[in-house]
Amino acid sequence: MDTPKGVAHANIKSSFEKQLEETLKRFAPNQRFLLGCSGGLDSVVLLFALYRILAESGRESQLRVIHVDHDLQAPSAAWAKQVVAQCEALSVDVIVKKVKVAAGNMENEARNARYAAFRDVIAPDEVLVLAHHQQDQAETVLMRLLNGSGVSGLAAMRVMQTQDELTIFRPLLNTSRAEIHQFAVNHDLQWVDDPANEDLSFDRVVMRQKVWPVLAEHWQGFEAAIVRTASLMVDAESVLVVQGETDLAAVVSVDGSLNIEKVLALPEARVRWLLARWMQGEQHYAPPLSRVDAVRQMMEARIDATPQVIWQVEHCNLQFRRYQGQLYRLPLDLPKATTQTCQFSMMQTLNLATGNWRVESIEEGLPLSLLDETLRLRPRREGELLHLKGRVGHWPLKKILQSLQLPQWQREQVQILETLDGQPLALLSAAGFWLTAQAVESNSKSSGWGLVRV
């Protein structure tokens, strides 16, 4: 394939090429790039524009291309061949990654498969380059507005963004589609037209085909105005984040729970932001307003109530609980106590529902002779009594757990260590390890062994 017209004539630059060249100055001179190229107009233009700029300074080897074949259209293999031919004409390394798109929402699942491919291929020192442009950004803002997004959602895509474990560079966000098309025409570039771009079953196509012409007819320059709004939302979000992170640090406890009294002392708008941020944790997406409002209401539930809010989305199964003036963010499926038999040895580690433990020497511990015996760990039983070391007489286990201030979900993790004939030796809970009075009295030595949290 001949080198496309215009690649060799690097002295003639479009306005967006000049902007791209200026934007590239934020990177180190040796920065390497992985460009996602679908073969469509936008990504083909970005490929040639970026190549031209890098080639001017002899840095074209710092560019690689990935083409993701979703295998959703009959000509997808031909599209891949066209991208490969274009890259080979420029002597740019190209990888074709064929993916399987899961069933469900086609747009979302195709995106998930595409970004998984990017993560598989990208090198640690590469930045992913994508060709989202001004119209893409404006569509995203408008669609998120229709979905009821807040400031963060309306900030939409960023020129530089860390997302899905990738550092992403989108240099065309302020470039109009008309400029991109004109560049392609001027340089005789070839691109593919995906028929999915005409499929009105996709929300974005409806926006593009039905809504955009009406907006363009009545509001000149509306795309740039919407993109400007996204930029202003980025600024607004940065202010909110600074204040919100300060608030969060003031109300979060060492174990990650929230102090309800301190949260409720804040203005309502800051409470809502703080809750959403805390609930999100390390998840990619913030919780919906309905879940945030449910947790907000949970803070004012009766003191003896045990409310629970569940948030389940893809890769996110969480529950939020309240206990003694604290809010807790927990996995939906918490480990529960089971029955198991085992022999213990010094410095042995165990992974139990209550956490990780290690067998160590302790004062007034269990007799060393028990290290040679098979013992049993079992869940607690309703109504059972225990006589713990340091307490007078037998206590109902329920009252012992109340005195330890264990929330309901941690009570379901409690285990009793006992001999195979049922003699109780110790209580294990998230709050610690306690020996029974009988176990200590049976040890004639001053030291013994026990379980220590690690």
Foldseek 3Di string as FASTA:
>chain_A
DAQFFPLVVLVDDDPLLVLVLVVCVVDDLLFAAEEEAQQALQSLLVVSSVCSSCVVVPRNQSYAYEHEQQVPDPCSVVSVVVVVVNCVNSVHHYHYHYWYFDDDDRVVSSVVRVVVVVVVPDDPRYAYEYRDALQNLLLQLVVVVVVVDDLVSNLPDDCWDCAPNGTYHHSHHHPDVVSSVVSCVVRVHGGDDDCVCCDPVDPSSCCVPPVVVVCVVPPPPVSNVSNVSSVVSVVVVVVLVVVLVVLLVVAADPVLKGQLVSLVVDPPVSSLVNQQVSQCPPPRDTADSVQSVVVVVLSPDDLPDWDKGWDDDVVATWIWTDADRIIDIGHNDQDFWAKDKDADDAQDWDQASLGIKGKHKDFLAFAQVSNPAIKMKHQDDPQDWAAFPPDPDIDGVVVVVVVLRDDPVQSRRKIFIGHPVGHTAWIDTNSGITGGPVRSVVHPDRMHIDIDHD
